[in-house]
N, C-alpha and C. Protein backbone atom coordinates (compact mmCIF):
# COMPACT_ATOMS: atom_id res chain seq x y z
N MET A 1 0.84 -1.18 0.00
CA MET A 1 0.00 0.00 0.00
C MET A 1 0.88 1.24 0.00
N GLN A 2 0.54 2.18 -0.83
CA GLN A 2 1.21 3.47 -0.82
C GLN A 2 0.79 4.24 0.43
N ASP A 3 1.62 5.20 0.82
CA ASP A 3 1.24 6.06 1.94
C ASP A 3 0.18 7.07 1.54
N THR A 4 0.34 7.64 0.35
CA THR A 4 -0.63 8.62 -0.13
C THR A 4 -0.92 8.37 -1.61
N TYR A 5 -2.07 8.84 -2.03
CA TYR A 5 -2.51 8.67 -3.42
C TYR A 5 -2.93 10.01 -4.00
N ARG A 6 -2.91 10.07 -5.34
CA ARG A 6 -3.58 11.15 -6.07
C ARG A 6 -5.01 10.67 -6.27
N ILE A 7 -5.95 11.37 -5.65
CA ILE A 7 -7.34 10.91 -5.64
C ILE A 7 -8.24 11.97 -6.26
N ALA A 8 -9.02 11.55 -7.25
CA ALA A 8 -10.05 12.43 -7.83
C ALA A 8 -11.35 12.20 -7.08
N LEU A 9 -12.06 13.28 -6.84
CA LEU A 9 -13.37 13.21 -6.20
C LEU A 9 -14.41 13.76 -7.16
N GLY A 10 -15.59 13.17 -7.12
CA GLY A 10 -16.68 13.69 -7.91
C GLY A 10 -18.00 13.43 -7.22
N ALA A 11 -18.89 14.40 -7.30
CA ALA A 11 -20.22 14.25 -6.71
C ALA A 11 -21.23 15.04 -7.51
N ASP A 12 -22.47 14.60 -7.41
CA ASP A 12 -23.55 15.38 -7.99
C ASP A 12 -24.15 16.28 -6.91
N ASP A 13 -25.20 17.00 -7.26
CA ASP A 13 -25.81 17.95 -6.32
C ASP A 13 -26.37 17.27 -5.07
N ALA A 14 -26.72 15.99 -5.16
CA ALA A 14 -27.30 15.27 -4.02
C ALA A 14 -26.25 14.90 -2.97
N ALA A 15 -24.98 15.04 -3.31
CA ALA A 15 -23.94 14.47 -2.45
C ALA A 15 -22.81 15.42 -2.11
N THR A 16 -23.02 16.70 -2.28
CA THR A 16 -21.94 17.67 -2.05
C THR A 16 -21.42 17.64 -0.62
N ALA A 17 -22.30 17.57 0.36
CA ALA A 17 -21.87 17.59 1.76
C ALA A 17 -20.99 16.39 2.09
N MET A 18 -21.40 15.19 1.66
CA MET A 18 -20.60 14.00 1.94
C MET A 18 -19.26 14.09 1.22
N LYS A 19 -19.27 14.53 -0.01
CA LYS A 19 -18.03 14.68 -0.78
C LYS A 19 -17.08 15.65 -0.10
N ASP A 20 -17.59 16.76 0.39
CA ASP A 20 -16.75 17.75 1.07
C ASP A 20 -16.11 17.16 2.34
N THR A 21 -16.89 16.39 3.09
CA THR A 21 -16.35 15.74 4.29
C THR A 21 -15.27 14.73 3.91
N MET A 22 -15.51 13.97 2.85
CA MET A 22 -14.51 13.00 2.39
C MET A 22 -13.25 13.71 1.91
N ALA A 23 -13.40 14.81 1.22
CA ALA A 23 -12.24 15.57 0.74
C ALA A 23 -11.38 16.03 1.91
N ALA A 24 -12.01 16.54 2.95
CA ALA A 24 -11.27 16.99 4.13
C ALA A 24 -10.57 15.82 4.81
N TYR A 25 -11.26 14.70 4.92
CA TYR A 25 -10.71 13.48 5.53
C TYR A 25 -9.47 13.02 4.76
N LEU A 26 -9.57 12.96 3.45
CA LEU A 26 -8.45 12.51 2.62
C LEU A 26 -7.28 13.48 2.68
N THR A 27 -7.57 14.76 2.62
CA THR A 27 -6.52 15.78 2.67
C THR A 27 -5.78 15.74 4.00
N GLU A 28 -6.52 15.57 5.10
CA GLU A 28 -5.90 15.47 6.43
C GLU A 28 -4.94 14.29 6.52
N ARG A 29 -5.16 13.27 5.72
CA ARG A 29 -4.31 12.09 5.73
C ARG A 29 -3.19 12.16 4.69
N GLY A 30 -3.05 13.32 4.07
CA GLY A 30 -1.92 13.55 3.17
C GLY A 30 -2.14 13.20 1.71
N HIS A 31 -3.35 12.78 1.36
CA HIS A 31 -3.63 12.46 -0.04
C HIS A 31 -3.78 13.75 -0.83
N ARG A 32 -3.42 13.68 -2.12
CA ARG A 32 -3.57 14.82 -3.01
C ARG A 32 -4.91 14.70 -3.71
N VAL A 33 -5.83 15.55 -3.33
CA VAL A 33 -7.23 15.45 -3.75
C VAL A 33 -7.54 16.50 -4.81
N THR A 34 -8.20 16.06 -5.89
CA THR A 34 -8.69 16.96 -6.92
C THR A 34 -10.19 16.78 -7.02
N ASP A 35 -10.94 17.85 -6.84
CA ASP A 35 -12.39 17.80 -6.91
C ASP A 35 -12.83 18.07 -8.35
N LEU A 36 -13.43 17.06 -8.96
CA LEU A 36 -13.93 17.17 -10.34
C LEU A 36 -15.46 17.11 -10.37
N SER A 37 -16.08 17.61 -9.32
CA SER A 37 -17.53 17.51 -9.15
C SER A 37 -18.32 18.29 -10.17
N ALA A 38 -19.63 18.06 -10.10
CA ALA A 38 -20.57 18.65 -11.05
C ALA A 38 -20.62 20.16 -10.95
N ALA A 39 -20.69 20.77 -12.10
CA ALA A 39 -21.05 22.19 -12.17
C ALA A 39 -22.56 22.25 -12.01
N ASP A 40 -23.09 23.40 -11.71
CA ASP A 40 -24.54 23.53 -11.54
C ASP A 40 -25.27 22.94 -12.74
N GLY A 41 -26.21 22.05 -12.44
CA GLY A 41 -27.03 21.47 -13.48
C GLY A 41 -26.41 20.30 -14.23
N GLU A 42 -25.19 19.93 -13.90
CA GLU A 42 -24.53 18.82 -14.59
C GLU A 42 -24.99 17.49 -13.99
N ASP A 43 -25.23 16.52 -14.82
CA ASP A 43 -25.72 15.22 -14.36
C ASP A 43 -24.58 14.31 -13.93
N TYR A 44 -24.91 13.34 -13.05
CA TYR A 44 -23.87 12.46 -12.51
C TYR A 44 -23.11 11.63 -13.56
N PRO A 45 -23.72 11.21 -14.68
CA PRO A 45 -22.91 10.46 -15.64
C PRO A 45 -21.74 11.28 -16.20
N ASP A 46 -21.93 12.59 -16.34
CA ASP A 46 -20.85 13.45 -16.83
C ASP A 46 -19.71 13.51 -15.82
N VAL A 47 -20.06 13.61 -14.54
CA VAL A 47 -19.05 13.64 -13.48
C VAL A 47 -18.31 12.31 -13.44
N ALA A 48 -19.05 11.21 -13.46
CA ALA A 48 -18.44 9.88 -13.40
C ALA A 48 -17.48 9.66 -14.56
N GLU A 49 -17.87 10.07 -15.75
CA GLU A 49 -16.99 9.90 -16.90
C GLU A 49 -15.72 10.73 -16.74
N ARG A 50 -15.85 11.98 -16.32
CA ARG A 50 -14.68 12.85 -16.16
C ARG A 50 -13.70 12.25 -15.14
N VAL A 51 -14.23 11.80 -14.02
CA VAL A 51 -13.38 11.23 -12.97
C VAL A 51 -12.76 9.92 -13.44
N ALA A 52 -13.55 9.05 -14.04
CA ALA A 52 -13.04 7.76 -14.51
C ALA A 52 -11.96 7.93 -15.58
N ARG A 53 -12.16 8.87 -16.48
CA ARG A 53 -11.14 9.12 -17.51
C ARG A 53 -9.84 9.61 -16.87
N SER A 54 -9.94 10.40 -15.81
CA SER A 54 -8.71 10.88 -15.16
C SER A 54 -7.93 9.72 -14.54
N VAL A 55 -8.64 8.71 -14.06
CA VAL A 55 -7.97 7.51 -13.54
C VAL A 55 -7.41 6.68 -14.69
N ALA A 56 -8.20 6.49 -15.73
CA ALA A 56 -7.75 5.69 -16.88
C ALA A 56 -6.52 6.29 -17.54
N ARG A 57 -6.41 7.61 -17.55
CA ARG A 57 -5.25 8.28 -18.14
C ARG A 57 -4.05 8.33 -17.20
N GLY A 58 -4.23 7.90 -15.95
CA GLY A 58 -3.13 7.91 -14.99
C GLY A 58 -2.93 9.22 -14.26
N GLU A 59 -3.85 10.15 -14.42
CA GLU A 59 -3.75 11.43 -13.71
C GLU A 59 -4.01 11.26 -12.21
N HIS A 60 -4.83 10.28 -11.88
CA HIS A 60 -5.14 9.94 -10.49
C HIS A 60 -5.02 8.43 -10.33
N GLU A 61 -4.56 8.00 -9.15
CA GLU A 61 -4.41 6.56 -8.90
C GLU A 61 -5.71 5.93 -8.43
N ARG A 62 -6.50 6.70 -7.72
CA ARG A 62 -7.79 6.24 -7.23
C ARG A 62 -8.78 7.39 -7.31
N ALA A 63 -10.06 7.02 -7.13
CA ALA A 63 -11.10 8.06 -7.16
C ALA A 63 -12.26 7.65 -6.27
N VAL A 64 -13.01 8.66 -5.87
CA VAL A 64 -14.20 8.48 -5.06
C VAL A 64 -15.33 9.25 -5.74
N LEU A 65 -16.45 8.57 -5.96
CA LEU A 65 -17.63 9.18 -6.55
C LEU A 65 -18.79 9.07 -5.56
N VAL A 66 -19.58 10.13 -5.46
CA VAL A 66 -20.71 10.13 -4.53
C VAL A 66 -21.94 10.70 -5.23
N CYS A 67 -23.03 9.95 -5.16
CA CYS A 67 -24.33 10.44 -5.62
C CYS A 67 -25.36 9.98 -4.59
N GLY A 68 -26.61 9.96 -4.92
CA GLY A 68 -27.63 9.56 -3.96
C GLY A 68 -27.46 8.15 -3.45
N THR A 69 -27.18 7.20 -4.36
CA THR A 69 -27.01 5.79 -3.97
C THR A 69 -25.62 5.24 -4.26
N GLY A 70 -24.86 5.88 -5.12
CA GLY A 70 -23.58 5.35 -5.57
C GLY A 70 -23.72 4.42 -6.76
N ILE A 71 -24.93 3.99 -7.03
CA ILE A 71 -25.16 3.02 -8.10
C ILE A 71 -24.97 3.65 -9.48
N GLY A 72 -25.61 4.77 -9.72
CA GLY A 72 -25.50 5.42 -11.03
C GLY A 72 -24.08 5.81 -11.36
N MET A 73 -23.36 6.34 -10.37
CA MET A 73 -21.95 6.70 -10.58
C MET A 73 -21.14 5.47 -10.96
N ALA A 74 -21.36 4.35 -10.26
CA ALA A 74 -20.61 3.13 -10.55
C ALA A 74 -20.91 2.63 -11.97
N ILE A 75 -22.17 2.64 -12.34
CA ILE A 75 -22.54 2.19 -13.68
C ILE A 75 -21.87 3.06 -14.74
N ALA A 76 -21.95 4.37 -14.58
CA ALA A 76 -21.37 5.28 -15.57
C ALA A 76 -19.84 5.15 -15.61
N ALA A 77 -19.19 5.10 -14.46
CA ALA A 77 -17.72 5.00 -14.43
C ALA A 77 -17.24 3.71 -15.08
N ASN A 78 -17.99 2.63 -14.91
CA ASN A 78 -17.58 1.35 -15.48
C ASN A 78 -17.70 1.29 -17.00
N LYS A 79 -18.26 2.31 -17.61
CA LYS A 79 -18.31 2.37 -19.07
C LYS A 79 -17.00 2.87 -19.67
N VAL A 80 -16.10 3.39 -18.83
CA VAL A 80 -14.80 3.88 -19.30
C VAL A 80 -13.83 2.71 -19.30
N PRO A 81 -13.22 2.41 -20.45
CA PRO A 81 -12.29 1.28 -20.53
C PRO A 81 -11.17 1.38 -19.50
N GLY A 82 -10.89 0.23 -18.89
CA GLY A 82 -9.82 0.15 -17.91
C GLY A 82 -10.25 0.44 -16.49
N ILE A 83 -11.51 0.79 -16.30
CA ILE A 83 -11.99 1.18 -14.98
C ILE A 83 -12.78 0.05 -14.33
N ARG A 84 -12.51 -0.11 -13.04
CA ARG A 84 -13.31 -0.99 -12.19
C ARG A 84 -13.79 -0.13 -11.02
N ALA A 85 -15.06 0.22 -11.07
CA ALA A 85 -15.69 1.03 -10.03
C ALA A 85 -16.66 0.15 -9.26
N ALA A 86 -16.67 0.31 -7.93
CA ALA A 86 -17.54 -0.51 -7.09
C ALA A 86 -18.40 0.38 -6.19
N GLN A 87 -19.68 0.06 -6.12
CA GLN A 87 -20.57 0.72 -5.17
C GLN A 87 -20.27 0.10 -3.81
N ILE A 88 -20.02 0.96 -2.82
CA ILE A 88 -19.56 0.51 -1.51
C ILE A 88 -20.66 0.70 -0.46
N PRO A 89 -21.35 -0.38 -0.06
CA PRO A 89 -22.40 -0.25 0.95
C PRO A 89 -21.93 -0.52 2.38
N ASP A 90 -20.74 -1.16 2.54
CA ASP A 90 -20.27 -1.53 3.87
C ASP A 90 -18.76 -1.73 3.84
N SER A 91 -18.15 -1.86 5.02
CA SER A 91 -16.69 -1.93 5.10
C SER A 91 -16.13 -3.22 4.50
N TYR A 92 -16.84 -4.34 4.63
CA TYR A 92 -16.36 -5.58 4.03
C TYR A 92 -16.31 -5.45 2.50
N SER A 93 -17.35 -4.90 1.92
CA SER A 93 -17.37 -4.69 0.47
C SER A 93 -16.29 -3.73 0.03
N ALA A 94 -16.01 -2.72 0.86
CA ALA A 94 -14.94 -1.76 0.54
C ALA A 94 -13.60 -2.47 0.44
N GLU A 95 -13.32 -3.30 1.43
CA GLU A 95 -12.06 -4.06 1.44
C GLU A 95 -11.98 -5.01 0.25
N ARG A 96 -13.06 -5.74 0.00
CA ARG A 96 -13.05 -6.74 -1.08
C ARG A 96 -13.00 -6.07 -2.45
N ALA A 97 -13.55 -4.87 -2.58
CA ALA A 97 -13.48 -4.15 -3.86
C ALA A 97 -12.03 -3.98 -4.29
N ARG A 98 -11.15 -3.72 -3.33
CA ARG A 98 -9.72 -3.59 -3.64
C ARG A 98 -9.04 -4.96 -3.70
N LYS A 99 -9.19 -5.76 -2.65
CA LYS A 99 -8.43 -7.01 -2.53
C LYS A 99 -8.80 -8.02 -3.60
N SER A 100 -10.09 -8.15 -3.91
CA SER A 100 -10.54 -9.16 -4.87
C SER A 100 -10.74 -8.63 -6.27
N ASN A 101 -11.15 -7.36 -6.40
CA ASN A 101 -11.54 -6.84 -7.71
C ASN A 101 -10.65 -5.73 -8.24
N ASP A 102 -9.68 -5.28 -7.45
CA ASP A 102 -8.75 -4.23 -7.86
C ASP A 102 -9.49 -2.98 -8.34
N ALA A 103 -10.56 -2.62 -7.63
CA ALA A 103 -11.35 -1.43 -8.00
C ALA A 103 -10.57 -0.17 -7.70
N GLN A 104 -10.42 0.67 -8.73
CA GLN A 104 -9.73 1.94 -8.56
C GLN A 104 -10.67 3.04 -8.09
N ILE A 105 -11.98 2.82 -8.25
CA ILE A 105 -12.96 3.85 -7.90
C ILE A 105 -13.97 3.28 -6.91
N ALA A 106 -14.17 4.01 -5.82
CA ALA A 106 -15.18 3.66 -4.82
C ALA A 106 -16.35 4.62 -4.96
N CYS A 107 -17.56 4.06 -5.01
CA CYS A 107 -18.77 4.87 -5.19
C CYS A 107 -19.66 4.75 -3.95
N PHE A 108 -20.08 5.89 -3.44
CA PHE A 108 -20.85 5.94 -2.20
C PHE A 108 -22.20 6.62 -2.43
N GLY A 109 -23.17 6.26 -1.58
CA GLY A 109 -24.49 6.85 -1.63
C GLY A 109 -24.75 7.76 -0.45
N SER A 110 -24.96 9.03 -0.72
CA SER A 110 -25.21 9.99 0.37
C SER A 110 -26.60 9.82 0.98
N ARG A 111 -27.49 9.16 0.27
CA ARG A 111 -28.85 8.94 0.79
C ARG A 111 -29.02 7.54 1.37
N THR A 112 -27.98 6.72 1.29
CA THR A 112 -28.10 5.34 1.76
C THR A 112 -27.21 5.02 2.95
N MET A 113 -26.28 5.93 3.29
CA MET A 113 -25.42 5.71 4.45
C MET A 113 -25.02 7.04 5.05
N GLY A 114 -24.75 7.02 6.33
CA GLY A 114 -24.31 8.23 7.01
C GLY A 114 -22.85 8.53 6.71
N VAL A 115 -22.46 9.75 6.99
CA VAL A 115 -21.09 10.19 6.70
C VAL A 115 -20.07 9.38 7.49
N GLU A 116 -20.33 9.13 8.77
CA GLU A 116 -19.36 8.39 9.58
C GLU A 116 -19.15 6.98 9.03
N ALA A 117 -20.22 6.31 8.66
CA ALA A 117 -20.10 4.97 8.07
C ALA A 117 -19.35 5.03 6.75
N ALA A 118 -19.61 6.06 5.96
CA ALA A 118 -18.91 6.22 4.68
C ALA A 118 -17.42 6.41 4.90
N LEU A 119 -17.04 7.17 5.92
CA LEU A 119 -15.61 7.39 6.19
C LEU A 119 -14.92 6.10 6.64
N VAL A 120 -15.61 5.28 7.42
CA VAL A 120 -15.06 3.98 7.81
C VAL A 120 -14.83 3.13 6.56
N CYS A 121 -15.82 3.09 5.69
CA CYS A 121 -15.70 2.32 4.44
C CYS A 121 -14.59 2.87 3.57
N LEU A 122 -14.50 4.18 3.47
CA LEU A 122 -13.45 4.81 2.68
C LEU A 122 -12.07 4.39 3.19
N GLU A 123 -11.89 4.39 4.49
CA GLU A 123 -10.60 3.99 5.06
C GLU A 123 -10.29 2.52 4.76
N HIS A 124 -11.27 1.65 4.87
CA HIS A 124 -11.06 0.22 4.54
C HIS A 124 -10.62 0.08 3.08
N TRP A 125 -11.24 0.84 2.20
CA TRP A 125 -10.90 0.78 0.77
C TRP A 125 -9.49 1.32 0.54
N LEU A 126 -9.15 2.41 1.21
CA LEU A 126 -7.84 3.05 1.01
C LEU A 126 -6.68 2.17 1.45
N VAL A 127 -6.84 1.47 2.56
CA VAL A 127 -5.72 0.69 3.11
C VAL A 127 -5.62 -0.71 2.51
N SER A 128 -6.53 -1.06 1.65
CA SER A 128 -6.52 -2.38 1.03
C SER A 128 -5.84 -2.33 -0.33
N ASP A 129 -5.09 -3.37 -0.62
CA ASP A 129 -4.44 -3.51 -1.92
C ASP A 129 -4.95 -4.77 -2.60
N PHE A 130 -4.80 -4.82 -3.91
CA PHE A 130 -5.19 -6.01 -4.67
C PHE A 130 -4.36 -7.19 -4.18
N ALA A 131 -5.04 -8.27 -3.80
CA ALA A 131 -4.37 -9.43 -3.23
C ALA A 131 -3.82 -10.38 -4.29
N GLY A 132 -4.31 -10.26 -5.53
CA GLY A 132 -3.86 -11.19 -6.56
C GLY A 132 -4.37 -12.59 -6.24
N GLY A 133 -3.47 -13.56 -6.25
CA GLY A 133 -3.85 -14.93 -5.92
C GLY A 133 -4.96 -15.43 -6.82
N GLY A 134 -5.97 -16.06 -6.21
CA GLY A 134 -7.08 -16.61 -6.97
C GLY A 134 -7.94 -15.56 -7.65
N SER A 135 -7.85 -14.32 -7.18
CA SER A 135 -8.63 -13.24 -7.80
C SER A 135 -8.01 -12.72 -9.09
N ALA A 136 -6.70 -12.87 -9.23
CA ALA A 136 -6.01 -12.32 -10.41
C ALA A 136 -6.58 -12.84 -11.73
N PRO A 137 -6.80 -14.16 -11.88
CA PRO A 137 -7.37 -14.63 -13.14
C PRO A 137 -8.78 -14.10 -13.40
N LYS A 138 -9.52 -13.87 -12.33
CA LYS A 138 -10.89 -13.35 -12.51
C LYS A 138 -10.86 -11.89 -12.96
N VAL A 139 -9.96 -11.11 -12.39
CA VAL A 139 -9.82 -9.72 -12.84
C VAL A 139 -9.34 -9.70 -14.28
N GLU A 140 -8.46 -10.61 -14.63
CA GLU A 140 -7.99 -10.71 -16.01
C GLU A 140 -9.16 -11.03 -16.94
N LYS A 141 -10.07 -11.89 -16.52
CA LYS A 141 -11.26 -12.20 -17.32
C LYS A 141 -12.15 -10.97 -17.47
N ILE A 142 -12.26 -10.17 -16.42
CA ILE A 142 -13.03 -8.92 -16.53
C ILE A 142 -12.43 -8.04 -17.62
N LYS A 143 -11.10 -7.96 -17.63
CA LYS A 143 -10.42 -7.17 -18.66
C LYS A 143 -10.68 -7.73 -20.06
N GLN A 144 -10.75 -9.05 -20.19
CA GLN A 144 -11.04 -9.67 -21.48
C GLN A 144 -12.47 -9.35 -21.92
N VAL A 145 -13.41 -9.42 -21.00
CA VAL A 145 -14.80 -9.05 -21.31
C VAL A 145 -14.84 -7.61 -21.80
N GLU A 146 -14.13 -6.75 -21.10
CA GLU A 146 -14.07 -5.34 -21.47
C GLU A 146 -13.49 -5.17 -22.88
N SER A 147 -12.40 -5.84 -23.17
CA SER A 147 -11.76 -5.66 -24.48
C SER A 147 -12.64 -6.18 -25.61
N ARG A 148 -13.50 -7.14 -25.33
CA ARG A 148 -14.42 -7.64 -26.35
C ARG A 148 -15.61 -6.72 -26.55
N ASN A 149 -15.93 -5.91 -25.55
CA ASN A 149 -17.19 -5.18 -25.58
C ASN A 149 -17.10 -3.66 -25.49
N LEU A 150 -16.02 -3.13 -24.98
CA LEU A 150 -15.88 -1.68 -24.84
C LEU A 150 -14.69 -1.20 -25.65
N THR A 151 -14.91 -0.15 -26.41
CA THR A 151 -13.80 0.48 -27.11
C THR A 151 -13.97 1.98 -27.00
N SER A 152 -12.86 2.66 -26.87
CA SER A 152 -12.89 4.12 -26.81
C SER A 152 -11.55 4.64 -27.29
N PRO A 153 -11.53 5.31 -28.45
CA PRO A 153 -10.27 5.84 -28.95
C PRO A 153 -9.70 6.87 -27.97
N GLY A 154 -8.39 6.88 -27.88
CA GLY A 154 -7.72 7.90 -27.07
C GLY A 154 -7.46 7.51 -25.64
N LEU A 155 -7.92 6.34 -25.21
CA LEU A 155 -7.63 5.89 -23.85
C LEU A 155 -6.67 4.71 -23.90
N PRO A 156 -5.77 4.63 -22.92
CA PRO A 156 -4.84 3.51 -22.90
C PRO A 156 -5.57 2.22 -22.56
N ALA A 157 -5.03 1.11 -23.03
CA ALA A 157 -5.58 -0.19 -22.67
C ALA A 157 -5.29 -0.45 -21.20
N ALA A 158 -6.15 -1.21 -20.57
CA ALA A 158 -5.96 -1.52 -19.13
C ALA A 158 -4.78 -2.44 -18.93
């Protein structure tokens, strides 16, 4: 595990308060945080794409997306080649998103969990690394599915 990461943050209008709390939490721990959140009236798929592309291009090592449930952000981010985004409902899922699935993006729901619970989950996700082992071939298969089904000019291959 690295000590600090370059982390992109993104949120829609439903999740600004949680995103701001997460940004402060990450900054206090020494992470370099870039807020790529929605401009007024911008929809969450636009935010998710912008954040996911920044990770796919290597501008950020990890990212956090927040909307009402985290589901829409995860769906939209996963449309960007090379990205594995996971909706995080609890600390076990946060840990497994990294250890088993090598998820670079954690997606949270501001309407489905409290801020304190979200921060616990965020910490579990941050301190976890991809374990490889039996999960490595499965992540490789995810990449194969992606290469057969998703294409986007101008982005590096995963």
